[in-house]
Amino acid sequence: MAKVTYHIIEHDGGWAYEASGAISETFPTHDAAFLAARQAALRQQRPGETTGIVWEDEAGRWHAEVSSGDARPQTEVEDDA
């Protein structure tokens, strides 16, 4: 099972969360960023719909797969600040 970790970071004069290299919008307080990260982590664990996906790999090859709606990652929020 995949695992996604959200990290609370200082960002652009405020606070944000980062996960897998993506940074959220800036929040005015650390607590607001932490709460937003927890909410995002919980949303990511919810089952969704099984659907077809098409994606391109690093070599430029295209792939078609079925993404199961119940294949959700394990998530956690770490407060490094």
PDB file of N, CA and C in Angstrom:
ATOM      1  N   MET A   1       0.845  -1.167   0.000  1.00  0.00           N
ATOM      2  CA  MET A   1       0.000   0.000   0.000  1.00  0.00           C
ATOM      3  C   MET A   1       0.900   1.244   0.000  1.00  0.00           C
ATOM      4  N   ALA A   2       0.517   2.203  -0.807  1.00  0.00           N
ATOM      5  CA  ALA A   2       1.254   3.464  -0.876  1.00  0.00           C
ATOM      6  C   ALA A   2       1.027   4.275   0.394  1.00  0.00           C
ATOM      7  N   LYS A   3       1.995   5.127   0.707  1.00  0.00           N
ATOM      8  CA  LYS A   3       1.875   5.984   1.882  1.00  0.00           C
ATOM      9  C   LYS A   3       2.191   7.419   1.461  1.00  0.00           C
ATOM     10  N   VAL A   4       1.341   8.346   1.855  1.00  0.00           N
ATOM     11  CA  VAL A   4       1.537   9.764   1.575  1.00  0.00           C
ATOM     12  C   VAL A   4       1.681  10.486   2.905  1.00  0.00           C
ATOM     13  N   THR A   5       2.781  11.233   3.045  1.00  0.00           N
ATOM     14  CA  THR A   5       3.024  11.992   4.269  1.00  0.00           C
ATOM     15  C   THR A   5       2.915  13.477   3.964  1.00  0.00           C
ATOM     16  N   TYR A   6       2.125  14.164   4.741  1.00  0.00           N
ATOM     17  CA  TYR A   6       1.967  15.610   4.634  1.00  0.00           C
ATOM     18  C   TYR A   6       2.878  16.259   5.675  1.00  0.00           C
ATOM     19  N   HIS A   7       3.664  17.249   5.241  1.00  0.00           N
ATOM     20  CA  HIS A   7       4.581  17.955   6.131  1.00  0.00           C
ATOM     21  C   HIS A   7       4.138  19.415   6.231  1.00  0.00           C
ATOM     22  N   ILE A   8       4.133  19.952   7.433  1.00  0.00           N
ATOM     23  CA  ILE A   8       3.814  21.366   7.649  1.00  0.00           C
ATOM     24  C   ILE A   8       5.115  22.153   7.476  1.00  0.00           C
ATOM     25  N   ILE A   9       5.064  23.178   6.614  1.00  0.00           N
ATOM     26  CA  ILE A   9       6.275  23.949   6.307  1.00  0.00           C
ATOM     27  C   ILE A   9       5.971  25.448   6.334  1.00  0.00           C
ATOM     28  N   GLU A  10       7.011  26.254   6.559  1.00  0.00           N
ATOM     29  CA  GLU A  10       6.883  27.695   6.391  1.00  0.00           C
ATOM     30  C   GLU A  10       6.920  27.972   4.893  1.00  0.00           C
ATOM     31  N   HIS A  11       6.021  28.863   4.439  1.00  0.00           N
ATOM     32  CA  HIS A  11       5.934  29.100   2.998  1.00  0.00           C
ATOM     33  C   HIS A  11       5.340  30.473   2.716  1.00  0.00           C
ATOM     34  N   ASP A  12       6.051  31.258   1.924  1.00  0.00           N
ATOM     35  CA  ASP A  12       5.548  32.522   1.392  1.00  0.00           C
ATOM     36  C   ASP A  12       4.976  33.441   2.477  1.00  0.00           C
ATOM     37  N   GLY A  13       5.712  33.560   3.577  1.00  0.00           N
ATOM     38  CA  GLY A  13       5.288  34.440   4.658  1.00  0.00           C
ATOM     39  C   GLY A  13       4.234  33.862   5.582  1.00  0.00           C
ATOM     40  N   GLY A  14       3.928  32.592   5.434  1.00  0.00           N
ATOM     41  CA  GLY A  14       2.929  31.936   6.282  1.00  0.00           C
ATOM     42  C   GLY A  14       3.282  30.468   6.421  1.00  0.00           C
ATOM     43  N   TRP A  15       2.268  29.638   6.388  1.00  0.00           N
ATOM     44  CA  TRP A  15       2.439  28.191   6.564  1.00  0.00           C
ATOM     45  C   TRP A  15       1.690  27.456   5.470  1.00  0.00           C
ATOM     46  N   ALA A  16       2.173  26.265   5.128  1.00  0.00           N
ATOM     47  CA  ALA A  16       1.543  25.429   4.115  1.00  0.00           C
ATOM     48  C   ALA A  16       1.801  23.973   4.472  1.00  0.00           C
ATOM     49  N   TYR A  17       1.225  23.087   3.674  1.00  0.00           N
ATOM     50  CA  TYR A  17       1.595  21.683   3.799  1.00  0.00           C
ATOM     51  C   TYR A  17       2.141  21.217   2.457  1.00  0.00           C
ATOM     52  N   GLU A  18       3.047  20.251   2.526  1.00  0.00           N
ATOM     53  CA  GLU A  18       3.694  19.693   1.346  1.00  0.00           C
ATOM     54  C   GLU A  18       3.497  18.186   1.373  1.00  0.00           C
ATOM     55  N   ALA A  19       3.189  17.633   0.208  1.00  0.00           N
ATOM     56  CA  ALA A  19       3.066  16.180   0.072  1.00  0.00           C
ATOM     57  C   ALA A  19       3.538  15.792  -1.318  1.00  0.00           C
ATOM     58  N   SER A  20       4.469  14.875  -1.385  1.00  0.00           N
ATOM     59  CA  SER A  20       4.991  14.361  -2.659  1.00  0.00           C
ATOM     60  C   SER A  20       5.463  15.476  -3.585  1.00  0.00           C
ATOM     61  N   GLY A  21       6.077  16.513  -3.016  1.00  0.00           N
ATOM     62  CA  GLY A  21       6.611  17.601  -3.811  1.00  0.00           C
ATOM     63  C   GLY A  21       5.631  18.707  -4.154  1.00  0.00           C
ATOM     64  N   ALA A  22       4.362  18.525  -3.848  1.00  0.00           N
ATOM     65  CA  ALA A  22       3.354  19.552  -4.120  1.00  0.00           C
ATOM     66  C   ALA A  22       3.112  20.358  -2.842  1.00  0.00           C
ATOM     67  N   ILE A  23       3.021  21.680  -3.000  1.00  0.00           N
ATOM     68  CA  ILE A  23       2.818  22.567  -1.850  1.00  0.00           C
ATOM     69  C   ILE A  23       1.431  23.189  -1.943  1.00  0.00           C
ATOM     70  N   SER A  24       0.746  23.215  -0.820  1.00  0.00           N
ATOM     71  CA  SER A  24      -0.599  23.788  -0.754  1.00  0.00           C
ATOM     72  C   SER A  24      -0.551  25.309  -0.844  1.00  0.00           C
ATOM     73  N   GLU A  25      -1.724  25.896  -0.816  1.00  0.00           N
ATOM     74  CA  GLU A  25      -1.808  27.347  -0.683  1.00  0.00           C
ATOM     75  C   GLU A  25      -1.236  27.745   0.679  1.00  0.00           C
ATOM     76  N   THR A  26      -0.957  29.027   0.848  1.00  0.00           N
ATOM     77  CA  THR A  26      -0.394  29.531   2.100  1.00  0.00           C
ATOM     78  C   THR A  26      -1.518  29.833   3.085  1.00  0.00           C
ATOM     79  N   PHE A  27      -1.308  29.448   4.337  1.00  0.00           N
ATOM     80  CA  PHE A  27      -2.256  29.716   5.420  1.00  0.00           C
ATOM     81  C   PHE A  27      -1.611  30.702   6.384  1.00  0.00           C
ATOM     82  N   PRO A  28      -2.422  31.534   7.053  1.00  0.00           N
ATOM     83  CA  PRO A  28      -1.846  32.559   7.914  1.00  0.00           C
ATOM     84  C   PRO A  28      -1.201  32.010   9.189  1.00  0.00           C
ATOM     85  N   THR A  29      -1.652  30.846   9.653  1.00  0.00           N
ATOM     86  CA  THR A  29      -1.112  30.281  10.896  1.00  0.00           C
ATOM     87  C   THR A  29      -0.695  28.827  10.698  1.00  0.00           C
ATOM     88  N   HIS A  30       0.174  28.394  11.576  1.00  0.00           N
ATOM     89  CA  HIS A  30       0.601  26.994  11.587  1.00  0.00           C
ATOM     90  C   HIS A  30      -0.600  26.084  11.831  1.00  0.00           C
ATOM     91  N   ASP A  31      -1.454  26.450  12.788  1.00  0.00           N
ATOM     92  CA  ASP A  31      -2.613  25.619  13.114  1.00  0.00           C
ATOM     93  C   ASP A  31      -3.550  25.463  11.925  1.00  0.00           C
ATOM     94  N   ALA A  32      -3.749  26.537  11.153  1.00  0.00           N
ATOM     95  CA  ALA A  32      -4.626  26.467   9.976  1.00  0.00           C
ATOM     96  C   ALA A  32      -4.044  25.520   8.927  1.00  0.00           C
ATOM     97  N   ALA A  33      -2.729  25.571   8.724  1.00  0.00           N
ATOM     98  CA  ALA A  33      -2.089  24.674   7.764  1.00  0.00           C
ATOM     99  C   ALA A  33      -2.171  23.224   8.242  1.00  0.00           C
ATOM    100  N   PHE A  34      -1.987  23.008   9.532  1.00  0.00           N
ATOM    101  CA  PHE A  34      -2.061  21.658  10.091  1.00  0.00           C
ATOM    102  C   PHE A  34      -3.471  21.081   9.916  1.00  0.00           C
ATOM    103  N   LEU A  35      -4.487  21.878  10.209  1.00  0.00           N
ATOM    104  CA  LEU A  35      -5.877  21.430  10.054  1.00  0.00           C
ATOM    105  C   LEU A  35      -6.180  21.119   8.589  1.00  0.00           C
ATOM    106  N   ALA A  36      -5.722  21.967   7.680  1.00  0.00           N
ATOM    107  CA  ALA A  36      -5.953  21.729   6.255  1.00  0.00           C
ATOM    108  C   ALA A  36      -5.259  20.450   5.798  1.00  0.00           C
ATOM    109  N   ALA A  37      -4.064  20.193   6.293  1.00  0.00           N
ATOM    110  CA  ALA A  37      -3.341  18.967   5.946  1.00  0.00           C
ATOM    111  C   ALA A  37      -4.077  17.739   6.458  1.00  0.00           C
ATOM    112  N   ARG A  38      -4.593  17.810   7.668  1.00  0.00           N
ATOM    113  CA  ARG A  38      -5.357  16.681   8.220  1.00  0.00           C
ATOM    114  C   ARG A  38      -6.606  16.417   7.391  1.00  0.00           C
ATOM    115  N   GLN A  39      -7.293  17.485   6.981  1.00  0.00           N
ATOM    116  CA  GLN A  39      -8.490  17.320   6.157  1.00  0.00           C
ATOM    117  C   GLN A  39      -8.143  16.710   4.798  1.00  0.00           C
ATOM    118  N   ALA A  40      -7.045  17.170   4.185  1.00  0.00           N
ATOM    119  CA  ALA A  40      -6.615  16.615   2.904  1.00  0.00           C
ATOM    120  C   ALA A  40      -6.249  15.140   3.042  1.00  0.00           C
ATOM    121  N   ALA A  41      -5.562  14.796   4.112  1.00  0.00           N
ATOM    122  CA  ALA A  41      -5.164  13.408   4.347  1.00  0.00           C
ATOM    123  C   ALA A  41      -6.393  12.508   4.516  1.00  0.00           C
ATOM    124  N   LEU A  42      -7.394  12.987   5.226  1.00  0.00           N
ATOM    125  CA  LEU A  42      -8.619  12.201   5.404  1.00  0.00           C
ATOM    126  C   LEU A  42      -9.372  12.035   4.090  1.00  0.00           C
ATOM    127  N   ARG A  43      -9.445  13.105   3.286  1.00  0.00           N
ATOM    128  CA  ARG A  43     -10.122  13.022   1.981  1.00  0.00           C
ATOM    129  C   ARG A  43      -9.436  12.008   1.079  1.00  0.00           C
ATOM    130  N   GLN A  44      -8.133  11.941   1.144  1.00  0.00           N
ATOM    131  CA  GLN A  44      -7.387  11.041   0.278  1.00  0.00           C
ATOM    132  C   GLN A  44      -7.627   9.581   0.632  1.00  0.00           C
ATOM    133  N   GLN A  45      -8.044   9.309   1.844  1.00  0.00           N
ATOM    134  CA  GLN A  45      -8.299   7.930   2.263  1.00  0.00           C
ATOM    135  C   GLN A  45      -9.702   7.451   1.906  1.00  0.00           C
ATOM    136  N   ARG A  46     -10.597   8.367   1.542  1.00  0.00           N
ATOM    137  CA  ARG A  46     -11.972   7.970   1.215  1.00  0.00           C
ATOM    138  C   ARG A  46     -12.014   7.195  -0.090  1.00  0.00           C
ATOM    139  N   PRO A  47     -12.803   6.117  -0.108  1.00  0.00           N
ATOM    140  CA  PRO A  47     -12.946   5.381  -1.368  1.00  0.00           C
ATOM    141  C   PRO A  47     -13.632   6.262  -2.414  1.00  0.00           C
ATOM    142  N   GLY A  48     -13.310   5.993  -3.650  1.00  0.00           N
ATOM    143  CA  GLY A  48     -13.924   6.725  -4.755  1.00  0.00           C
ATOM    144  C   GLY A  48     -14.544   5.752  -5.732  1.00  0.00           C
ATOM    145  N   GLU A  49     -14.645   6.158  -6.976  1.00  0.00           N
ATOM    146  CA  GLU A  49     -15.217   5.312  -8.010  1.00  0.00           C
ATOM    147  C   GLU A  49     -14.098   4.609  -8.778  1.00  0.00           C
ATOM    148  N   THR A  50     -14.362   3.390  -9.191  1.00  0.00           N
ATOM    149  CA  THR A  50     -13.442   2.702 -10.079  1.00  0.00           C
ATOM    150  C   THR A  50     -13.574   3.345 -11.449  1.00  0.00           C
ATOM    151  N   THR A  51     -12.439   3.706 -12.022  1.00  0.00           N
ATOM    152  CA  THR A  51     -12.462   4.434 -13.292  1.00  0.00           C
ATOM    153  C   THR A  51     -11.245   4.082 -14.134  1.00  0.00           C
ATOM    154  N   GLY A  52     -11.333   4.332 -15.403  1.00  0.00           N
ATOM    155  CA  GLY A  52     -10.198   4.141 -16.292  1.00  0.00           C
ATOM    156  C   GLY A  52      -9.307   5.372 -16.272  1.00  0.00           C
ATOM    157  N   ILE A  53      -8.007   5.164 -16.308  1.00  0.00           N
ATOM    158  CA  ILE A  53      -7.070   6.280 -16.366  1.00  0.00           C
ATOM    159  C   ILE A  53      -6.070   6.032 -17.496  1.00  0.00           C
ATOM    160  N   VAL A  54      -5.592   7.116 -18.079  1.00  0.00           N
ATOM    161  CA  VAL A  54      -4.557   7.059 -19.108  1.00  0.00           C
ATOM    162  C   VAL A  54      -3.450   7.990 -18.654  1.00  0.00           C
ATOM    163  N   TRP A  55      -2.189   7.513 -18.697  1.00  0.00           N
ATOM    164  CA  TRP A  55      -1.079   8.334 -18.243  1.00  0.00           C
ATOM    165  C   TRP A  55       0.160   8.059 -19.077  1.00  0.00           C
ATOM    166  N   GLU A  56       1.062   9.048 -19.096  1.00  0.00           N
ATOM    167  CA  GLU A  56       2.300   8.963 -19.865  1.00  0.00           C
ATOM    168  C   GLU A  56       3.473   8.806 -18.905  1.00  0.00           C
ATOM    169  N   ASP A  57       4.352   7.849 -19.189  1.00  0.00           N
ATOM    170  CA  ASP A  57       5.520   7.662 -18.324  1.00  0.00           C
ATOM    171  C   ASP A  57       6.671   8.568 -18.763  1.00  0.00           C
ATOM    172  N   GLU A  58       7.790   8.478 -18.039  1.00  0.00           N
ATOM    173  CA  GLU A  58       8.942   9.344 -18.299  1.00  0.00           C
ATOM    174  C   GLU A  58       9.521   9.147 -19.694  1.00  0.00           C
ATOM    175  N   ALA A  59       9.343   7.972 -20.278  1.00  0.00           N
ATOM    176  CA  ALA A  59       9.893   7.667 -21.604  1.00  0.00           C
ATOM    177  C   ALA A  59       8.934   8.069 -22.724  1.00  0.00           C
ATOM    178  N   GLY A  60       7.803   8.665 -22.381  1.00  0.00           N
ATOM    179  CA  GLY A  60       6.842   9.096 -23.394  1.00  0.00           C
ATOM    180  C   GLY A  60       5.873   8.017 -23.840  1.00  0.00           C
ATOM    181  N   ARG A  61       5.839   6.883 -23.150  1.00  0.00           N
ATOM    182  CA  ARG A  61       4.898   5.809 -23.473  1.00  0.00           C
ATOM    183  C   ARG A  61       3.590   6.031 -22.729  1.00  0.00           C
ATOM    184  N   TRP A  62       2.485   5.770 -23.416  1.00  0.00           N
ATOM    185  CA  TRP A  62       1.163   5.931 -22.811  1.00  0.00           C
ATOM    186  C   TRP A  62       0.673   4.594 -22.279  1.00  0.00           C
ATOM    187  N   HIS A  63      -0.044   4.644 -21.164  1.00  0.00           N
ATOM    188  CA  HIS A  63      -0.571   3.454 -20.504  1.00  0.00           C
ATOM    189  C   HIS A  63      -2.046   3.682 -20.192  1.00  0.00           C
ATOM    190  N   ALA A  64      -2.837   2.630 -20.323  1.00  0.00           N
ATOM    191  CA  ALA A  64      -4.254   2.679 -19.938  1.00  0.00           C
ATOM    192  C   ALA A  64      -4.460   1.635 -18.847  1.00  0.00           C
ATOM    193  N   GLU A  65      -5.095   2.048 -17.758  1.00  0.00           N
ATOM    194  CA  GLU A  65      -5.315   1.154 -16.619  1.00  0.00           C
ATOM    195  C   GLU A  65      -6.697   1.387 -16.032  1.00  0.00           C
ATOM    196  N   VAL A  66      -7.092   0.478 -15.183  1.00  0.00           N
ATOM    197  CA  VAL A  66      -8.290   0.661 -14.374  1.00  0.00           C
ATOM    198  C   VAL A  66      -7.819   0.990 -12.966  1.00  0.00           C
ATOM    199  N   SER A  67      -8.300   2.107 -12.440  1.00  0.00           N
ATOM    200  CA  SER A  67      -7.956   2.523 -11.084  1.00  0.00           C
ATOM    201  C   SER A  67      -9.108   2.153 -10.163  1.00  0.00           C
ATOM    202  N   SER A  68      -8.831   1.259  -9.232  1.00  0.00           N
ATOM    203  CA  SER A  68      -9.852   0.806  -8.290  1.00  0.00           C
ATOM    204  C   SER A  68     -10.189   1.910  -7.303  1.00  0.00           C
ATOM    205  N   GLY A  69     -11.442   2.141  -7.084  1.00  0.00           N
ATOM    206  CA  GLY A  69     -11.883   3.186  -6.168  1.00  0.00           C
ATOM    207  C   GLY A  69     -11.550   2.900  -4.715  1.00  0.00           C
ATOM    208  N   ASP A  70     -11.194   1.658  -4.404  1.00  0.00           N
ATOM    209  CA  ASP A  70     -10.872   1.348  -3.016  1.00  0.00           C
ATOM    210  C   ASP A  70      -9.365   1.215  -2.781  1.00  0.00           C
ATOM    211  N   ALA A  71      -8.550   1.489  -3.788  1.00  0.00           N
ATOM    212  CA  ALA A  71      -7.089   1.436  -3.648  1.00  0.00           C
ATOM    213  C   ALA A  71      -6.597   2.795  -3.163  1.00  0.00           C
ATOM    214  N   ARG A  72      -6.712   3.041  -1.888  1.00  0.00           N
ATOM    215  CA  ARG A  72      -6.389   4.337  -1.301  1.00  0.00           C
ATOM    216  C   ARG A  72      -5.080   4.237  -0.515  1.00  0.00           C
ATOM    217  N   PRO A  73      -4.289   5.297  -0.502  1.00  0.00           N
ATOM    218  CA  PRO A  73      -3.026   5.262   0.228  1.00  0.00           C
ATOM    219  C   PRO A  73      -3.227   5.434   1.736  1.00  0.00           C
ATOM    220  N   GLN A  74      -2.246   5.011   2.470  1.00  0.00           N
ATOM    221  CA  GLN A  74      -2.182   5.324   3.903  1.00  0.00           C
ATOM    222  C   GLN A  74      -1.659   6.755   3.983  1.00  0.00           C
ATOM    223  N   THR A  75      -2.195   7.575   4.872  1.00  0.00           N
ATOM    224  CA  THR A  75      -1.752   8.963   4.987  1.00  0.00           C
ATOM    225  C   THR A  75      -1.395   9.294   6.426  1.00  0.00           C
ATOM    226  N   GLU A  76      -0.513  10.307   6.573  1.00  0.00           N
ATOM    227  CA  GLU A  76      -0.194  10.820   7.885  1.00  0.00           C
ATOM    228  C   GLU A  76       0.236  12.273   7.738  1.00  0.00           C
ATOM    229  N   VAL A  77       0.154  13.027   8.827  1.00  0.00           N
ATOM    230  CA  VAL A  77       0.589  14.410   8.861  1.00  0.00           C
ATOM    231  C   VAL A  77       1.726  14.509   9.869  1.00  0.00           C
ATOM    232  N   GLU A  78       2.862  15.044   9.420  1.00  0.00           N
ATOM    233  CA  GLU A  78       4.009  15.244  10.305  1.00  0.00           C
ATOM    234  C   GLU A  78       4.225  16.729  10.498  1.00  0.00           C
ATOM    235  N   ASP A  79       4.431  17.109  11.717  1.00  0.00           N
ATOM    236  CA  ASP A  79       4.660  18.521  12.051  1.00  0.00           C
ATOM    237  C   ASP A  79       6.143  18.714  12.301  1.00  0.00           C
ATOM    238  N   ASP A  80       6.867  19.091  11.254  1.00  0.00           N
ATOM    239  CA  ASP A  80       8.310  19.250  11.326  1.00  0.00           C
ATOM    240  C   ASP A  80       8.710  20.631  11.874  1.00  0.00           C
ATOM    241  N   ALA A  81       7.762  21.528  11.959  1.00  0.00           N
ATOM    242  CA  ALA A  81       8.074  22.917  12.366  1.00  0.00           C
ATOM    243  C   ALA A  81       8.280  23.039  13.848  1.00  0.00           C
TER     244      ALA A  81
END
